[in-house]
Amino acid sequence: MKDWKISTFNGVLIASYFIPAWAMPALRIVMSPVKGLFFERANMAPAMFVSDHLQFSVVATVRFAWLLALAKLTVVAFFAMFLVYALRTPTRRRNAGDEAFSIALSLAAAVSFVSMLLASKVGEFAALRLHATETLLLLSIGIVMLVETAKPAAEPTPERVRVPAETFPQAQPSTAS
């Protein structure tokens, strides 16, 4: 762990939160779309918005639930792919998981931000706090990742090479007495 970047370490922590926190509600939608959509706090705000404000039919609401579950499971898959790459020693030095991590961060921030907006629109304050916290968490890790990649890597200084004095006859040391 001594050669990990800050964003890699934070990414592992974030992935360990988002994988179970988003996989379980998404899998509940897969098992029972209406129950998983309306009775899970993580899915409640989008469900209330599409049923109250957009007045979707039951079939359209189920389709929306499946799309929400697909989006969350996609984020979970990218976080899991990042964890696999981050925990493998040979790829850790090459930053092979950064692409999967940035895709997961982007998709998760978009889903969480939209859910936060929908929660504020329907007045569901517990879901609003949950999605606002997730959005801020994802944005802060994204900023850390951007700052870390924008900073130029420290280049090793070249070692000085001693050139023999006979190579340059005019640069011979003087013998002062």
N, C-alpha and C. Protein backbone atom coordinates (compact mmCIF):
# COMPACT_ATOMS: atom_id res chain seq x y z
N MET A 1 0.81 -1.20 0.00
CA MET A 1 0.00 0.00 0.00
C MET A 1 0.85 1.25 0.00
N LYS A 2 2.15 1.12 0.07
CA LYS A 2 2.98 2.31 0.13
C LYS A 2 3.08 3.01 -1.22
N ASP A 3 2.77 2.33 -2.32
CA ASP A 3 2.86 2.97 -3.64
C ASP A 3 1.51 3.37 -4.19
N TRP A 4 0.47 3.39 -3.38
CA TRP A 4 -0.86 3.80 -3.83
C TRP A 4 -0.96 5.32 -3.86
N LYS A 5 -1.74 5.82 -4.81
CA LYS A 5 -2.05 7.23 -4.85
C LYS A 5 -3.22 7.48 -3.89
N ILE A 6 -3.41 8.74 -3.53
CA ILE A 6 -4.51 9.08 -2.63
C ILE A 6 -5.84 8.75 -3.27
N SER A 7 -5.97 9.03 -4.57
CA SER A 7 -7.24 8.76 -5.24
C SER A 7 -7.53 7.26 -5.33
N THR A 8 -6.49 6.44 -5.45
CA THR A 8 -6.71 4.99 -5.48
C THR A 8 -7.19 4.50 -4.12
N PHE A 9 -6.56 4.97 -3.06
CA PHE A 9 -6.97 4.57 -1.71
C PHE A 9 -8.40 5.03 -1.43
N ASN A 10 -8.72 6.29 -1.78
CA ASN A 10 -10.08 6.79 -1.58
C ASN A 10 -11.07 6.05 -2.47
N GLY A 11 -10.63 5.67 -3.66
CA GLY A 11 -11.50 4.92 -4.56
C GLY A 11 -11.87 3.57 -4.01
N VAL A 12 -10.92 2.91 -3.36
CA VAL A 12 -11.21 1.61 -2.74
C VAL A 12 -12.22 1.79 -1.61
N LEU A 13 -12.07 2.85 -0.83
CA LEU A 13 -13.03 3.10 0.26
C LEU A 13 -14.42 3.42 -0.30
N ILE A 14 -14.46 4.25 -1.33
CA ILE A 14 -15.76 4.61 -1.93
C ILE A 14 -16.41 3.39 -2.56
N ALA A 15 -15.63 2.57 -3.26
CA ALA A 15 -16.18 1.37 -3.89
C ALA A 15 -16.72 0.41 -2.84
N SER A 16 -16.03 0.33 -1.71
CA SER A 16 -16.52 -0.56 -0.66
C SER A 16 -17.83 -0.05 -0.04
N TYR A 17 -18.13 1.23 -0.19
CA TYR A 17 -19.43 1.75 0.25
C TYR A 17 -20.48 1.56 -0.85
N PHE A 18 -20.16 1.96 -2.07
CA PHE A 18 -21.17 2.01 -3.13
C PHE A 18 -21.57 0.63 -3.64
N ILE A 19 -20.68 -0.32 -3.63
CA ILE A 19 -21.06 -1.65 -4.15
C ILE A 19 -22.22 -2.24 -3.36
N PRO A 20 -22.15 -2.36 -2.03
CA PRO A 20 -23.34 -2.91 -1.34
C PRO A 20 -24.50 -1.93 -1.24
N ALA A 21 -24.20 -0.62 -1.11
CA ALA A 21 -25.27 0.36 -0.92
C ALA A 21 -26.12 0.56 -2.17
N TRP A 22 -25.55 0.31 -3.34
CA TRP A 22 -26.33 0.46 -4.56
C TRP A 22 -26.75 -0.88 -5.15
N ALA A 23 -26.04 -1.94 -4.83
CA ALA A 23 -26.40 -3.25 -5.39
C ALA A 23 -27.66 -3.80 -4.73
N MET A 24 -27.78 -3.65 -3.42
CA MET A 24 -28.94 -4.21 -2.73
C MET A 24 -30.26 -3.57 -3.17
N PRO A 25 -30.39 -2.22 -3.19
CA PRO A 25 -31.65 -1.65 -3.69
C PRO A 25 -31.91 -1.97 -5.16
N ALA A 26 -30.86 -2.04 -5.96
CA ALA A 26 -31.05 -2.37 -7.38
C ALA A 26 -31.52 -3.81 -7.54
N LEU A 27 -30.98 -4.71 -6.75
CA LEU A 27 -31.42 -6.11 -6.82
C LEU A 27 -32.85 -6.28 -6.28
N ARG A 28 -33.24 -5.44 -5.33
CA ARG A 28 -34.63 -5.48 -4.87
C ARG A 28 -35.58 -5.01 -5.95
N ILE A 29 -35.13 -4.07 -6.78
CA ILE A 29 -35.94 -3.65 -7.94
C ILE A 29 -36.06 -4.79 -8.93
N VAL A 30 -34.98 -5.53 -9.13
CA VAL A 30 -35.00 -6.64 -10.08
C VAL A 30 -35.99 -7.71 -9.60
N MET A 31 -35.99 -7.98 -8.29
CA MET A 31 -36.89 -9.01 -7.77
C MET A 31 -38.35 -8.56 -7.77
N SER A 32 -38.60 -7.33 -7.35
CA SER A 32 -39.96 -6.81 -7.31
C SER A 32 -39.91 -5.33 -7.66
N PRO A 33 -40.18 -4.96 -8.91
CA PRO A 33 -39.96 -3.58 -9.34
C PRO A 33 -40.74 -2.52 -8.55
N VAL A 34 -41.99 -2.73 -8.29
CA VAL A 34 -42.77 -1.70 -7.60
C VAL A 34 -42.37 -1.62 -6.13
N LYS A 35 -42.25 -2.76 -5.47
CA LYS A 35 -41.86 -2.77 -4.05
C LYS A 35 -40.43 -2.23 -3.88
N GLY A 36 -39.51 -2.63 -4.76
CA GLY A 36 -38.13 -2.16 -4.67
C GLY A 36 -37.99 -0.69 -4.98
N LEU A 37 -38.88 -0.16 -5.80
CA LEU A 37 -38.81 1.25 -6.17
C LEU A 37 -39.42 2.15 -5.10
N PHE A 38 -40.56 1.78 -4.56
CA PHE A 38 -41.27 2.66 -3.65
C PHE A 38 -40.91 2.48 -2.17
N PHE A 39 -40.32 1.35 -1.80
CA PHE A 39 -40.07 1.10 -0.38
C PHE A 39 -38.60 1.09 -0.01
N GLU A 40 -37.73 1.49 -0.89
CA GLU A 40 -36.31 1.64 -0.59
C GLU A 40 -35.99 3.13 -0.56
N ARG A 41 -35.33 3.58 0.49
CA ARG A 41 -35.02 5.00 0.63
C ARG A 41 -34.17 5.51 -0.52
N ALA A 42 -33.28 4.69 -1.03
CA ALA A 42 -32.40 5.12 -2.12
C ALA A 42 -33.16 5.30 -3.43
N ASN A 43 -34.30 4.66 -3.57
CA ASN A 43 -35.07 4.74 -4.81
C ASN A 43 -36.37 5.52 -4.65
N MET A 44 -36.67 5.96 -3.46
CA MET A 44 -37.97 6.54 -3.17
C MET A 44 -38.22 7.86 -3.90
N ALA A 45 -37.25 8.76 -3.92
CA ALA A 45 -37.46 10.07 -4.52
C ALA A 45 -37.72 10.00 -6.02
N PRO A 46 -36.92 9.25 -6.79
CA PRO A 46 -37.26 9.14 -8.22
C PRO A 46 -38.62 8.48 -8.44
N ALA A 47 -38.98 7.52 -7.60
CA ALA A 47 -40.27 6.84 -7.74
C ALA A 47 -41.43 7.80 -7.48
N MET A 48 -41.32 8.60 -6.44
CA MET A 48 -42.37 9.55 -6.14
C MET A 48 -42.49 10.61 -7.23
N PHE A 49 -41.35 11.01 -7.79
CA PHE A 49 -41.39 12.03 -8.83
C PHE A 49 -42.08 11.52 -10.09
N VAL A 50 -41.71 10.31 -10.54
CA VAL A 50 -42.32 9.81 -11.77
C VAL A 50 -43.79 9.45 -11.58
N SER A 51 -44.17 9.06 -10.38
CA SER A 51 -45.59 8.71 -10.19
C SER A 51 -46.44 9.96 -9.95
N ASP A 52 -45.92 10.95 -9.22
CA ASP A 52 -46.71 12.13 -8.88
C ASP A 52 -46.65 13.21 -9.96
N HIS A 53 -45.44 13.59 -10.35
CA HIS A 53 -45.29 14.72 -11.26
C HIS A 53 -45.41 14.33 -12.74
N LEU A 54 -44.85 13.20 -13.11
CA LEU A 54 -44.91 12.78 -14.51
C LEU A 54 -46.13 11.91 -14.79
N GLN A 55 -46.76 11.41 -13.75
CA GLN A 55 -47.97 10.60 -13.83
C GLN A 55 -47.81 9.42 -14.78
N PHE A 56 -46.70 8.68 -14.55
CA PHE A 56 -46.46 7.47 -15.35
C PHE A 56 -47.50 6.42 -15.01
N SER A 57 -47.80 5.59 -15.97
CA SER A 57 -48.66 4.43 -15.69
C SER A 57 -47.84 3.39 -14.94
N VAL A 58 -48.48 2.32 -14.54
CA VAL A 58 -47.79 1.27 -13.79
C VAL A 58 -46.70 0.63 -14.65
N VAL A 59 -47.01 0.38 -15.91
CA VAL A 59 -46.02 -0.24 -16.81
C VAL A 59 -44.83 0.70 -17.03
N ALA A 60 -45.09 1.99 -17.22
CA ALA A 60 -44.00 2.95 -17.41
C ALA A 60 -43.17 3.11 -16.14
N THR A 61 -43.83 3.04 -14.98
CA THR A 61 -43.10 3.12 -13.71
C THR A 61 -42.20 1.90 -13.53
N VAL A 62 -42.68 0.73 -13.92
CA VAL A 62 -41.85 -0.47 -13.84
C VAL A 62 -40.66 -0.36 -14.79
N ARG A 63 -40.89 0.17 -15.98
CA ARG A 63 -39.78 0.36 -16.92
C ARG A 63 -38.76 1.35 -16.37
N PHE A 64 -39.25 2.41 -15.74
CA PHE A 64 -38.34 3.37 -15.11
C PHE A 64 -37.55 2.70 -13.99
N ALA A 65 -38.20 1.85 -13.22
CA ALA A 65 -37.52 1.13 -12.15
C ALA A 65 -36.41 0.25 -12.70
N TRP A 66 -36.69 -0.42 -13.82
CA TRP A 66 -35.66 -1.27 -14.43
C TRP A 66 -34.49 -0.43 -14.94
N LEU A 67 -34.77 0.74 -15.51
CA LEU A 67 -33.68 1.61 -15.96
C LEU A 67 -32.84 2.13 -14.80
N LEU A 68 -33.51 2.46 -13.70
CA LEU A 68 -32.77 2.90 -12.52
C LEU A 68 -31.91 1.77 -11.97
N ALA A 69 -32.45 0.57 -11.94
CA ALA A 69 -31.67 -0.59 -11.47
C ALA A 69 -30.50 -0.86 -12.41
N LEU A 70 -30.72 -0.74 -13.71
CA LEU A 70 -29.64 -0.95 -14.67
C LEU A 70 -28.53 0.08 -14.49
N ALA A 71 -28.90 1.33 -14.26
CA ALA A 71 -27.89 2.37 -14.03
C ALA A 71 -27.09 2.10 -12.77
N LYS A 72 -27.77 1.71 -11.70
CA LYS A 72 -27.06 1.44 -10.45
C LYS A 72 -26.18 0.19 -10.55
N LEU A 73 -26.66 -0.83 -11.22
CA LEU A 73 -25.83 -2.04 -11.39
C LEU A 73 -24.65 -1.79 -12.32
N THR A 74 -24.79 -0.87 -13.26
CA THR A 74 -23.65 -0.50 -14.11
C THR A 74 -22.58 0.20 -13.28
N VAL A 75 -23.00 1.09 -12.41
CA VAL A 75 -22.05 1.77 -11.51
C VAL A 75 -21.36 0.75 -10.61
N VAL A 76 -22.13 -0.19 -10.08
CA VAL A 76 -21.56 -1.23 -9.22
C VAL A 76 -20.54 -2.06 -10.00
N ALA A 77 -20.84 -2.38 -11.25
CA ALA A 77 -19.92 -3.18 -12.07
C ALA A 77 -18.62 -2.43 -12.32
N PHE A 78 -18.69 -1.13 -12.60
CA PHE A 78 -17.47 -0.36 -12.82
C PHE A 78 -16.66 -0.20 -11.53
N PHE A 79 -17.33 -0.03 -10.39
CA PHE A 79 -16.60 0.03 -9.12
C PHE A 79 -15.94 -1.32 -8.82
N ALA A 80 -16.62 -2.42 -9.12
CA ALA A 80 -16.03 -3.74 -8.90
C ALA A 80 -14.84 -3.96 -9.82
N MET A 81 -14.94 -3.51 -11.06
CA MET A 81 -13.81 -3.62 -11.98
C MET A 81 -12.63 -2.80 -11.48
N PHE A 82 -12.91 -1.61 -10.94
CA PHE A 82 -11.84 -0.78 -10.37
C PHE A 82 -11.19 -1.48 -9.19
N LEU A 83 -11.99 -2.11 -8.33
CA LEU A 83 -11.42 -2.82 -7.19
C LEU A 83 -10.50 -3.95 -7.62
N VAL A 84 -10.89 -4.68 -8.66
CA VAL A 84 -10.05 -5.77 -9.15
C VAL A 84 -8.72 -5.22 -9.65
N TYR A 85 -8.78 -4.14 -10.43
CA TYR A 85 -7.53 -3.56 -10.94
C TYR A 85 -6.69 -2.93 -9.84
N ALA A 86 -7.34 -2.30 -8.87
CA ALA A 86 -6.59 -1.61 -7.82
C ALA A 86 -5.91 -2.58 -6.86
N LEU A 87 -6.51 -3.74 -6.65
CA LEU A 87 -5.94 -4.66 -5.68
C LEU A 87 -4.92 -5.62 -6.28
N ARG A 88 -4.79 -5.62 -7.60
CA ARG A 88 -3.76 -6.44 -8.23
C ARG A 88 -2.45 -5.68 -8.21
N THR A 89 -1.39 -6.27 -7.72
CA THR A 89 -0.11 -5.59 -7.55
C THR A 89 0.51 -5.11 -8.87
N PRO A 90 0.59 -5.92 -9.92
CA PRO A 90 1.26 -5.43 -11.14
C PRO A 90 0.55 -4.25 -11.80
N THR A 91 -0.77 -4.22 -11.77
CA THR A 91 -1.48 -3.13 -12.44
C THR A 91 -1.60 -1.90 -11.57
N ARG A 92 -1.35 -2.02 -10.29
CA ARG A 92 -1.50 -0.88 -9.39
C ARG A 92 -0.53 0.23 -9.75
N ARG A 93 0.67 -0.13 -10.20
CA ARG A 93 1.67 0.87 -10.53
C ARG A 93 1.36 1.56 -11.85
N ARG A 94 0.61 0.89 -12.72
CA ARG A 94 0.30 1.46 -14.03
C ARG A 94 -1.03 2.21 -14.05
N ASN A 95 -1.71 2.28 -12.95
CA ASN A 95 -3.00 2.98 -12.84
C ASN A 95 -4.01 2.45 -13.85
N ALA A 96 -4.11 1.15 -13.99
CA ALA A 96 -5.01 0.54 -14.97
C ALA A 96 -6.47 0.70 -14.59
N GLY A 97 -6.78 0.90 -13.34
CA GLY A 97 -8.17 1.01 -12.92
C GLY A 97 -8.72 2.42 -12.94
N ASP A 98 -7.92 3.40 -13.35
CA ASP A 98 -8.38 4.78 -13.33
C ASP A 98 -9.53 5.03 -14.30
N GLU A 99 -9.53 4.34 -15.44
CA GLU A 99 -10.62 4.54 -16.41
C GLU A 99 -11.94 4.02 -15.85
N ALA A 100 -11.90 2.82 -15.29
CA ALA A 100 -13.12 2.26 -14.70
C ALA A 100 -13.59 3.11 -13.53
N PHE A 101 -12.65 3.62 -12.76
CA PHE A 101 -13.00 4.46 -11.61
C PHE A 101 -13.62 5.77 -12.06
N SER A 102 -13.08 6.39 -13.11
CA SER A 102 -13.64 7.66 -13.56
C SER A 102 -15.02 7.46 -14.19
N ILE A 103 -15.24 6.35 -14.88
CA ILE A 103 -16.57 6.07 -15.43
C ILE A 103 -17.57 5.84 -14.29
N ALA A 104 -17.15 5.08 -13.29
CA ALA A 104 -18.03 4.83 -12.14
C ALA A 104 -18.35 6.13 -11.40
N LEU A 105 -17.34 6.98 -11.22
CA LEU A 105 -17.59 8.26 -10.55
C LEU A 105 -18.55 9.13 -11.35
N SER A 106 -18.37 9.18 -12.65
CA SER A 106 -19.23 10.03 -13.49
C SER A 106 -20.68 9.54 -13.48
N LEU A 107 -20.86 8.25 -13.69
CA LEU A 107 -22.23 7.71 -13.71
C LEU A 107 -22.89 7.82 -12.34
N ALA A 108 -22.15 7.51 -11.29
CA ALA A 108 -22.72 7.57 -9.94
C ALA A 108 -23.06 9.00 -9.55
N ALA A 109 -22.20 9.96 -9.93
CA ALA A 109 -22.49 11.36 -9.61
C ALA A 109 -23.72 11.84 -10.36
N ALA A 110 -23.87 11.41 -11.61
CA ALA A 110 -25.05 11.82 -12.38
C ALA A 110 -26.33 11.24 -11.78
N VAL A 111 -26.31 9.96 -11.45
CA VAL A 111 -27.51 9.32 -10.88
C VAL A 111 -27.84 9.91 -9.51
N SER A 112 -26.82 10.11 -8.71
CA SER A 112 -27.04 10.64 -7.37
C SER A 112 -27.50 12.10 -7.41
N PHE A 113 -26.94 12.89 -8.33
CA PHE A 113 -27.33 14.29 -8.44
C PHE A 113 -28.78 14.42 -8.91
N VAL A 114 -29.15 13.63 -9.91
CA VAL A 114 -30.54 13.67 -10.38
C VAL A 114 -31.48 13.19 -9.29
N SER A 115 -31.10 12.16 -8.56
CA SER A 115 -31.94 11.69 -7.45
C SER A 115 -32.07 12.75 -6.36
N MET A 116 -31.00 13.51 -6.13
CA MET A 116 -31.05 14.59 -5.15
C MET A 116 -32.01 15.68 -5.61
N LEU A 117 -31.95 16.03 -6.88
CA LEU A 117 -32.87 17.04 -7.39
C LEU A 117 -34.32 16.58 -7.31
N LEU A 118 -34.56 15.31 -7.63
CA LEU A 118 -35.92 14.79 -7.56
C LEU A 118 -36.42 14.71 -6.12
N ALA A 119 -35.51 14.40 -5.20
CA ALA A 119 -35.89 14.35 -3.78
C ALA A 119 -36.25 15.74 -3.27
N SER A 120 -35.55 16.75 -3.73
CA SER A 120 -35.90 18.11 -3.31
C SER A 120 -37.22 18.55 -3.93
N LYS A 121 -37.50 18.08 -5.12
CA LYS A 121 -38.75 18.45 -5.80
C LYS A 121 -39.97 17.82 -5.11
N VAL A 122 -39.84 16.58 -4.65
CA VAL A 122 -41.00 15.92 -4.01
C VAL A 122 -41.04 16.14 -2.50
N GLY A 123 -40.01 16.73 -1.91
CA GLY A 123 -40.01 17.04 -0.49
C GLY A 123 -39.65 15.87 0.40
N GLU A 124 -38.89 14.92 -0.10
CA GLU A 124 -38.46 13.77 0.69
C GLU A 124 -37.08 14.10 1.27
N PHE A 125 -37.04 14.58 2.53
CA PHE A 125 -35.82 15.13 3.09
C PHE A 125 -34.80 14.08 3.50
N ALA A 126 -35.24 12.91 3.90
CA ALA A 126 -34.28 11.85 4.25
C ALA A 126 -33.54 11.38 3.00
N ALA A 127 -34.26 11.23 1.91
CA ALA A 127 -33.62 10.84 0.65
C ALA A 127 -32.75 11.98 0.12
N LEU A 128 -33.17 13.22 0.35
CA LEU A 128 -32.38 14.37 -0.07
C LEU A 128 -31.04 14.39 0.64
N ARG A 129 -31.03 14.13 1.94
CA ARG A 129 -29.76 14.08 2.69
C ARG A 129 -28.87 12.94 2.20
N LEU A 130 -29.46 11.80 1.93
CA LEU A 130 -28.70 10.65 1.45
C LEU A 130 -28.05 10.96 0.11
N HIS A 131 -28.82 11.47 -0.84
CA HIS A 131 -28.29 11.72 -2.17
C HIS A 131 -27.34 12.92 -2.20
N ALA A 132 -27.58 13.92 -1.35
CA ALA A 132 -26.66 15.05 -1.27
C ALA A 132 -25.31 14.60 -0.72
N THR A 133 -25.34 13.74 0.28
CA THR A 133 -24.09 13.22 0.84
C THR A 133 -23.34 12.39 -0.19
N GLU A 134 -24.04 11.54 -0.91
CA GLU A 134 -23.39 10.73 -1.94
C GLU A 134 -22.81 11.60 -3.06
N THR A 135 -23.56 12.62 -3.47
CA THR A 135 -23.08 13.50 -4.53
C THR A 135 -21.83 14.26 -4.10
N LEU A 136 -21.83 14.80 -2.90
CA LEU A 136 -20.65 15.51 -2.41
C LEU A 136 -19.46 14.58 -2.25
N LEU A 137 -19.70 13.38 -1.82
CA LEU A 137 -18.64 12.39 -1.68
C LEU A 137 -18.01 12.07 -3.04
N LEU A 138 -18.85 11.86 -4.04
CA LEU A 138 -18.36 11.53 -5.38
C LEU A 138 -17.64 12.71 -6.02
N LEU A 139 -18.17 13.91 -5.85
CA LEU A 139 -17.54 15.09 -6.43
C LEU A 139 -16.19 15.38 -5.77
N SER A 140 -16.10 15.18 -4.46
CA SER A 140 -14.83 15.44 -3.78
C SER A 140 -13.75 14.45 -4.22
N ILE A 141 -14.11 13.19 -4.40
CA ILE A 141 -13.13 12.22 -4.88
C ILE A 141 -12.76 12.51 -6.33
N GLY A 142 -13.71 12.98 -7.11
CA GLY A 142 -13.40 13.37 -8.49
C GLY A 142 -12.43 14.53 -8.53
N ILE A 143 -12.59 15.50 -7.64
CA ILE A 143 -11.67 16.64 -7.59
C ILE A 143 -10.28 16.18 -7.17
N VAL A 144 -10.21 15.30 -6.18
CA VAL A 144 -8.91 14.76 -5.76
C VAL A 144 -8.23 14.04 -6.92
N MET A 145 -9.01 13.28 -7.66
CA MET A 145 -8.45 12.55 -8.81
C MET A 145 -7.96 13.51 -9.89
N LEU A 146 -8.72 14.57 -10.17
CA LEU A 146 -8.31 15.54 -11.17
C LEU A 146 -7.05 16.29 -10.76
N VAL A 147 -6.98 16.69 -9.50
CA VAL A 147 -5.80 17.40 -9.03
C VAL A 147 -4.58 16.49 -9.06
N GLU A 148 -4.79 15.25 -8.72
CA GLU A 148 -3.66 14.31 -8.70
C GLU A 148 -3.14 14.01 -10.10
N THR A 149 -4.02 13.94 -11.09
CA THR A 149 -3.57 13.66 -12.45
C THR A 149 -3.06 14.92 -13.13
N ALA A 150 -3.51 16.11 -12.72
CA ALA A 150 -3.04 17.35 -13.34
C ALA A 150 -1.65 17.72 -12.84
N LYS A 151 -1.30 17.28 -11.66
CA LYS A 151 0.01 17.58 -11.09
C LYS A 151 1.06 16.79 -11.85
N PRO A 152 2.11 17.44 -12.36
CA PRO A 152 3.13 16.68 -13.07
C PRO A 152 3.88 15.76 -12.11
N ALA A 153 4.17 14.61 -12.60
CA ALA A 153 4.89 13.63 -11.78
C ALA A 153 6.30 14.13 -11.51
N ALA A 154 6.78 13.86 -10.34
CA ALA A 154 8.13 14.27 -9.99
C ALA A 154 9.13 13.42 -10.77
N GLU A 155 9.92 14.11 -11.60
CA GLU A 155 10.91 13.39 -12.39
C GLU A 155 12.17 13.20 -11.57
N PRO A 156 12.76 12.05 -11.67
CA PRO A 156 14.00 11.85 -10.92
C PRO A 156 15.11 12.72 -11.51
N THR A 157 15.90 13.29 -10.63
CA THR A 157 16.99 14.13 -11.10
C THR A 157 18.11 13.24 -11.62
N PRO A 158 18.69 13.61 -12.76
CA PRO A 158 19.76 12.78 -13.30
C PRO A 158 21.01 12.86 -12.42
N GLU A 159 21.67 11.75 -12.29
CA GLU A 159 22.88 11.74 -11.50
C GLU A 159 23.99 12.43 -12.28
N ARG A 160 24.85 13.10 -11.55
CA ARG A 160 25.95 13.80 -12.19
C ARG A 160 26.99 12.78 -12.64
N VAL A 161 27.45 13.02 -13.81
CA VAL A 161 28.48 12.15 -14.37
C VAL A 161 29.80 12.91 -14.32
N ARG A 162 30.80 12.29 -13.75
CA ARG A 162 32.12 12.91 -13.69
C ARG A 162 32.84 12.69 -15.01
N VAL A 163 33.25 13.78 -15.58
CA VAL A 163 34.02 13.73 -16.82
C VAL A 163 35.48 13.89 -16.45
N PRO A 164 36.32 13.03 -16.97
CA PRO A 164 37.75 13.16 -16.63
C PRO A 164 38.30 14.50 -17.11
N ALA A 165 39.27 15.05 -16.37
CA ALA A 165 39.83 16.36 -16.66
C ALA A 165 40.59 16.37 -17.97
N GLU A 166 41.14 15.24 -18.40
CA GLU A 166 41.90 15.24 -19.64
C GLU A 166 41.01 15.36 -20.87
N THR A 167 39.71 15.23 -20.70
CA THR A 167 38.81 15.41 -21.82
C THR A 167 38.78 16.87 -22.25
N PHE A 168 38.82 17.77 -21.30
CA PHE A 168 38.82 19.20 -21.57
C PHE A 168 40.13 19.79 -21.06
N PRO A 169 41.13 20.00 -21.92
CA PRO A 169 42.43 20.47 -21.45
C PRO A 169 42.39 21.87 -20.85
N GLN A 170 41.51 22.76 -21.33
CA GLN A 170 41.49 24.11 -20.77
C GLN A 170 40.82 24.15 -19.40
N ALA A 171 40.17 23.10 -19.00
CA ALA A 171 39.47 23.09 -17.72
C ALA A 171 40.26 22.36 -16.65
N GLN A 172 41.58 22.30 -16.81
CA GLN A 172 42.41 21.62 -15.82
C GLN A 172 42.47 22.44 -14.56
N PRO A 173 42.41 21.78 -13.43
CA PRO A 173 42.49 22.55 -12.19
C PRO A 173 43.85 23.24 -12.06
N SER A 174 43.79 24.43 -11.56
CA SER A 174 45.03 25.19 -11.39
C SER A 174 45.69 24.75 -10.09
N THR A 175 46.96 24.79 -10.11
CA THR A 175 47.74 24.45 -8.91
C THR A 175 48.22 25.71 -8.29
N ALA A 176 47.48 26.23 -7.39
CA ALA A 176 47.85 27.46 -6.69
C ALA A 176 48.71 27.13 -5.51
N SER A 177 49.79 27.92 -5.38
CA SER A 177 50.69 27.66 -4.27
C SER A 177 50.69 28.75 -3.26
